[in-house]
Amino acid sequence: MEIYKVPRNEVQVRILLDDGRMIEGTLYTATVGPNGGPETVLDRLLDPSEEFLPLAAGGDRLLLNKGGILLVEIPPEAAGKTDLEEGAKEALVRVTLAGGTSLLGKLAIRMPEESSRVLDYLNAAPRFLPLLGERRIALLQKRFIVSVRGEAENE
């Protein structure tokens, strides 16, 4: 019955779990999110009222505990408005996660000038934070970040 259908958007994601598995599937987000526009995957990850994330992976339907998610990769168009579009300071970094996964990307730092170092940003960031790459955005769970180092722009 069409009147009971919940409007939603489908986002193709790749999720790295703490047991080393990479799962590709579809995550469903609401057509209206907390900021009035469409809900983003990051909105969904940061929602404190949900500890589990529903994922459709092929014919399987899974409920993933957010606590076991190291990263969620999404296409740039699925991110909605990013902080870089609003004039945030960019920091090119290499992030190493638990298990050895290493990612190169940019952090979009929106902090007061006196506390706009990468260190300040990481300490103030919410549970998941975006790392902006050329062809993907990785939403990293902060507790699985082992190290962050600055990178030269020409690498």
C-alpha atoms as a PDB file:
ATOM      1  CA  MET A   1       0.000   0.000   0.000  1.00  0.00           C
ATOM      2  CA  GLU A   2       1.518   3.212  -1.216  1.00  0.00           C
ATOM      3  CA  ILE A   3       0.276   5.296   1.763  1.00  0.00           C
ATOM      4  CA  TYR A   4       2.537   3.305   4.121  1.00  0.00           C
ATOM      5  CA  LYS A   5       5.665   3.656   2.007  1.00  0.00           C
ATOM      6  CA  VAL A   6       8.376   5.731   3.687  1.00  0.00           C
ATOM      7  CA  PRO A   7      10.162   8.138   1.305  1.00  0.00           C
ATOM      8  CA  ARG A   8      13.889   7.402   1.194  1.00  0.00           C
ATOM      9  CA  ASN A   9      17.054   7.830  -0.812  1.00  0.00           C
ATOM     10  CA  GLU A  10      19.391   4.975  -1.718  1.00  0.00           C
ATOM     11  CA  VAL A  11      23.157   5.458  -1.350  1.00  0.00           C
ATOM     12  CA  GLN A  12      25.738   2.935  -2.547  1.00  0.00           C
ATOM     13  CA  VAL A  13      28.358   2.448   0.183  1.00  0.00           C
ATOM     14  CA  ARG A  14      31.421   0.375   0.999  1.00  0.00           C
ATOM     15  CA  ILE A  15      31.833  -0.317   4.703  1.00  0.00           C
ATOM     16  CA  LEU A  16      35.009  -1.584   6.387  1.00  0.00           C
ATOM     17  CA  LEU A  17      34.267  -3.436   9.621  1.00  0.00           C
ATOM     18  CA  ASP A  18      36.541  -3.998  12.604  1.00  0.00           C
ATOM     19  CA  ASP A  19      36.823  -7.701  11.709  1.00  0.00           C
ATOM     20  CA  GLY A  20      38.447  -6.759   8.373  1.00  0.00           C
ATOM     21  CA  ARG A  21      35.428  -7.413   6.140  1.00  0.00           C
ATOM     22  CA  MET A  22      34.532  -4.909   3.422  1.00  0.00           C
ATOM     23  CA  ILE A  23      30.813  -4.931   2.645  1.00  0.00           C
ATOM     24  CA  GLU A  24      29.295  -3.200  -0.366  1.00  0.00           C
ATOM     25  CA  GLY A  25      25.636  -2.393  -0.287  1.00  0.00           C
ATOM     26  CA  THR A  26      22.834   0.130  -0.170  1.00  0.00           C
ATOM     27  CA  LEU A  27      22.133   2.386   2.760  1.00  0.00           C
ATOM     28  CA  TYR A  28      18.783   4.123   2.947  1.00  0.00           C
ATOM     29  CA  THR A  29      18.555   7.726   4.080  1.00  0.00           C
ATOM     30  CA  ALA A  30      15.511   9.901   4.703  1.00  0.00           C
ATOM     31  CA  THR A  31      14.409  12.460   2.144  1.00  0.00           C
ATOM     32  CA  VAL A  32      14.441  15.090   4.915  1.00  0.00           C
ATOM     33  CA  GLY A  33      17.317  15.250   7.388  1.00  0.00           C
ATOM     34  CA  PRO A  34      18.120  17.212  10.531  1.00  0.00           C
ATOM     35  CA  ASN A  35      19.163  20.319   8.565  1.00  0.00           C
ATOM     36  CA  GLY A  36      16.022  20.470   6.419  1.00  0.00           C
ATOM     37  CA  GLY A  37      17.654  19.016   3.291  1.00  0.00           C
ATOM     38  CA  PRO A  38      18.014  15.335   2.463  1.00  0.00           C
ATOM     39  CA  GLU A  39      19.544  13.198   5.215  1.00  0.00           C
ATOM     40  CA  THR A  40      23.165  12.279   4.452  1.00  0.00           C
ATOM     41  CA  VAL A  41      25.043   9.117   5.353  1.00  0.00           C
ATOM     42  CA  LEU A  42      27.039  11.189   7.860  1.00  0.00           C
ATOM     43  CA  ASP A  43      23.775  12.385   9.454  1.00  0.00           C
ATOM     44  CA  ARG A  44      22.744   8.745   9.765  1.00  0.00           C
ATOM     45  CA  LEU A  45      26.077   7.719  11.315  1.00  0.00           C
ATOM     46  CA  LEU A  46      25.973  10.581  13.817  1.00  0.00           C
ATOM     47  CA  ASP A  47      22.356   9.999  14.876  1.00  0.00           C
ATOM     48  CA  PRO A  48      22.625   9.259  18.613  1.00  0.00           C
ATOM     49  CA  SER A  49      19.211   7.573  18.681  1.00  0.00           C
ATOM     50  CA  GLU A  50      20.415   4.651  16.519  1.00  0.00           C
ATOM     51  CA  GLU A  51      23.221   2.253  17.438  1.00  0.00           C
ATOM     52  CA  PHE A  52      22.604  -0.028  14.446  1.00  0.00           C
ATOM     53  CA  LEU A  53      22.664   0.814  10.765  1.00  0.00           C
ATOM     54  CA  PRO A  54      20.473  -1.143   8.314  1.00  0.00           C
ATOM     55  CA  LEU A  55      22.250  -2.187   5.109  1.00  0.00           C
ATOM     56  CA  ALA A  56      21.052  -4.052   2.029  1.00  0.00           C
ATOM     57  CA  ALA A  57      23.935  -6.092   0.587  1.00  0.00           C
ATOM     58  CA  GLY A  58      22.824  -8.119  -2.405  1.00  0.00           C
ATOM     59  CA  GLY A  59      20.034 -10.363  -1.189  1.00  0.00           C
ATOM     60  CA  ASP A  60      21.039  -9.937   2.461  1.00  0.00           C
ATOM     61  CA  ARG A  61      19.642  -7.429   4.919  1.00  0.00           C
ATOM     62  CA  LEU A  62      22.068  -6.622   7.727  1.00  0.00           C
ATOM     63  CA  LEU A  63      22.014  -4.541  10.873  1.00  0.00           C
ATOM     64  CA  LEU A  64      25.545  -3.252  11.501  1.00  0.00           C
ATOM     65  CA  ASN A  65      26.611  -2.006  14.904  1.00  0.00           C
ATOM     66  CA  LYS A  66      28.055   1.479  14.369  1.00  0.00           C
ATOM     67  CA  GLY A  67      30.687   0.686  17.014  1.00  0.00           C
ATOM     68  CA  GLY A  68      32.268  -1.879  14.657  1.00  0.00           C
ATOM     69  CA  ILE A  69      32.450   0.356  11.575  1.00  0.00           C
ATOM     70  CA  LEU A  70      35.931   1.695  10.754  1.00  0.00           C
ATOM     71  CA  LEU A  71      34.929   3.597   7.651  1.00  0.00           C
ATOM     72  CA  VAL A  72      32.111   4.128   5.200  1.00  0.00           C
ATOM     73  CA  GLU A  73      33.056   5.101   1.644  1.00  0.00           C
ATOM     74  CA  ILE A  74      30.499   7.086  -0.327  1.00  0.00           C
ATOM     75  CA  PRO A  75      30.575   8.813  -3.710  1.00  0.00           C
ATOM     76  CA  PRO A  76      31.126  12.602  -3.450  1.00  0.00           C
ATOM     77  CA  GLU A  77      27.638  13.378  -4.758  1.00  0.00           C
ATOM     78  CA  ALA A  78      26.124  11.476  -1.808  1.00  0.00           C
ATOM     79  CA  ALA A  79      27.801  13.712   0.774  1.00  0.00           C
ATOM     80  CA  GLY A  80      25.501  16.675   0.380  1.00  0.00           C
ATOM     81  CA  LYS A  81      27.054  20.033   1.107  1.00  0.00           C
ATOM     82  CA  THR A  82      30.599  19.612   2.403  1.00  0.00           C
ATOM     83  CA  ASP A  83      32.457  22.009   4.656  1.00  0.00           C
ATOM     84  CA  LEU A  84      34.952  22.713   1.840  1.00  0.00           C
ATOM     85  CA  GLU A  85      32.135  24.315  -0.148  1.00  0.00           C
ATOM     86  CA  GLU A  86      31.651  26.718   2.752  1.00  0.00           C
ATOM     87  CA  GLY A  87      35.252  27.916   2.886  1.00  0.00           C
ATOM     88  CA  ALA A  88      36.759  25.595   5.487  1.00  0.00           C
ATOM     89  CA  LYS A  89      40.532  25.296   5.839  1.00  0.00           C
ATOM     90  CA  GLU A  90      41.880  22.239   3.962  1.00  0.00           C
ATOM     91  CA  ALA A  91      44.502  19.939   5.433  1.00  0.00           C
ATOM     92  CA  LEU A  92      45.976  17.174   3.276  1.00  0.00           C
ATOM     93  CA  VAL A  93      46.654  14.200   5.553  1.00  0.00           C
ATOM     94  CA  ARG A  94      47.402  10.493   5.542  1.00  0.00           C
ATOM     95  CA  VAL A  95      45.241   8.638   8.046  1.00  0.00           C
ATOM     96  CA  THR A  96      46.120   5.150   9.264  1.00  0.00           C
ATOM     97  CA  LEU A  97      43.327   3.108  10.824  1.00  0.00           C
ATOM     98  CA  ALA A  98      43.432   0.124  13.153  1.00  0.00           C
ATOM     99  CA  GLY A  99      44.299  -2.914  11.043  1.00  0.00           C
ATOM    100  CA  GLY A 100      46.693  -0.927   8.829  1.00  0.00           C
ATOM    101  CA  THR A 101      44.363   0.673   6.290  1.00  0.00           C
ATOM    102  CA  SER A 102      45.941   3.929   5.090  1.00  0.00           C
ATOM    103  CA  LEU A 103      44.010   6.708   3.346  1.00  0.00           C
ATOM    104  CA  LEU A 104      45.106   9.983   1.765  1.00  0.00           C
ATOM    105  CA  GLY A 105      42.646  12.848   1.693  1.00  0.00           C
ATOM    106  CA  LYS A 106      41.674  16.283   2.910  1.00  0.00           C
ATOM    107  CA  LEU A 107      40.129  17.243   6.209  1.00  0.00           C
ATOM    108  CA  ALA A 108      37.782  20.231   6.032  1.00  0.00           C
ATOM    109  CA  ILE A 109      38.538  22.153   9.207  1.00  0.00           C
ATOM    110  CA  ARG A 110      35.882  24.621  10.326  1.00  0.00           C
ATOM    111  CA  MET A 111      37.179  25.888  13.634  1.00  0.00           C
ATOM    112  CA  PRO A 112      37.954  29.305  15.122  1.00  0.00           C
ATOM    113  CA  GLU A 113      41.306  30.567  13.804  1.00  0.00           C
ATOM    114  CA  GLU A 114      43.002  30.205  17.194  1.00  0.00           C
ATOM    115  CA  SER A 115      42.125  26.504  17.323  1.00  0.00           C
ATOM    116  CA  SER A 116      42.263  25.452  13.670  1.00  0.00           C
ATOM    117  CA  ARG A 117      45.082  22.915  13.825  1.00  0.00           C
ATOM    118  CA  VAL A 118      44.455  19.332  12.739  1.00  0.00           C
ATOM    119  CA  LEU A 119      44.931  18.310  16.385  1.00  0.00           C
ATOM    120  CA  ASP A 120      42.198  20.717  17.518  1.00  0.00           C
ATOM    121  CA  TYR A 121      39.865  19.480  14.805  1.00  0.00           C
ATOM    122  CA  LEU A 122      40.376  15.794  15.630  1.00  0.00           C
ATOM    123  CA  ASN A 123      39.821  16.403  19.331  1.00  0.00           C
ATOM    124  CA  ALA A 124      36.604  18.350  18.657  1.00  0.00           C
ATOM    125  CA  ALA A 125      35.239  16.213  15.801  1.00  0.00           C
ATOM    126  CA  PRO A 126      32.159  14.019  16.310  1.00  0.00           C
ATOM    127  CA  ARG A 127      32.219  10.198  16.276  1.00  0.00           C
ATOM    128  CA  PHE A 128      32.564  10.010  12.462  1.00  0.00           C
ATOM    129  CA  LEU A 129      34.436  12.551  10.360  1.00  0.00           C
ATOM    130  CA  PRO A 130      34.769  12.966   6.590  1.00  0.00           C
ATOM    131  CA  LEU A 131      38.057  12.527   4.751  1.00  0.00           C
ATOM    132  CA  LEU A 132      37.622  14.003   1.276  1.00  0.00           C
ATOM    133  CA  GLY A 133      39.293  12.138  -1.577  1.00  0.00           C
ATOM    134  CA  GLU A 134      39.262  12.753  -5.315  1.00  0.00           C
ATOM    135  CA  ARG A 135      36.808   9.986  -6.172  1.00  0.00           C
ATOM    136  CA  ARG A 136      35.280   9.147  -2.826  1.00  0.00           C
ATOM    137  CA  ILE A 137      34.593  10.421   0.641  1.00  0.00           C
ATOM    138  CA  ALA A 138      35.558   8.202   3.562  1.00  0.00           C
ATOM    139  CA  LEU A 139      33.589   8.677   6.756  1.00  0.00           C
ATOM    140  CA  LEU A 140      36.033   7.554   9.452  1.00  0.00           C
ATOM    141  CA  GLN A 141      35.139   6.477  12.953  1.00  0.00           C
ATOM    142  CA  LYS A 142      37.428   8.523  15.152  1.00  0.00           C
ATOM    143  CA  ARG A 143      38.119   5.778  17.691  1.00  0.00           C
ATOM    144  CA  PHE A 144      39.744   3.610  14.979  1.00  0.00           C
ATOM    145  CA  ILE A 145      42.183   6.305  13.835  1.00  0.00           C
ATOM    146  CA  VAL A 146      45.690   5.232  14.865  1.00  0.00           C
ATOM    147  CA  SER A 147      47.695   8.073  13.319  1.00  0.00           C
ATOM    148  CA  VAL A 148      47.365  11.189  11.182  1.00  0.00           C
ATOM    149  CA  ARG A 149      50.254  12.883   9.440  1.00  0.00           C
ATOM    150  CA  GLY A 150      50.459  15.887   7.169  1.00  0.00           C
ATOM    151  CA  GLU A 151      51.237  15.304   3.501  1.00  0.00           C
ATOM    152  CA  ALA A 152      52.788  17.549   0.880  1.00  0.00           C
ATOM    153  CA  GLU A 153      50.364  18.682  -1.852  1.00  0.00           C
ATOM    154  CA  ASN A 154      52.500  17.206  -4.670  1.00  0.00           C
ATOM    155  CA  GLU A 155      52.265  13.569  -3.492  1.00  0.00           C
END
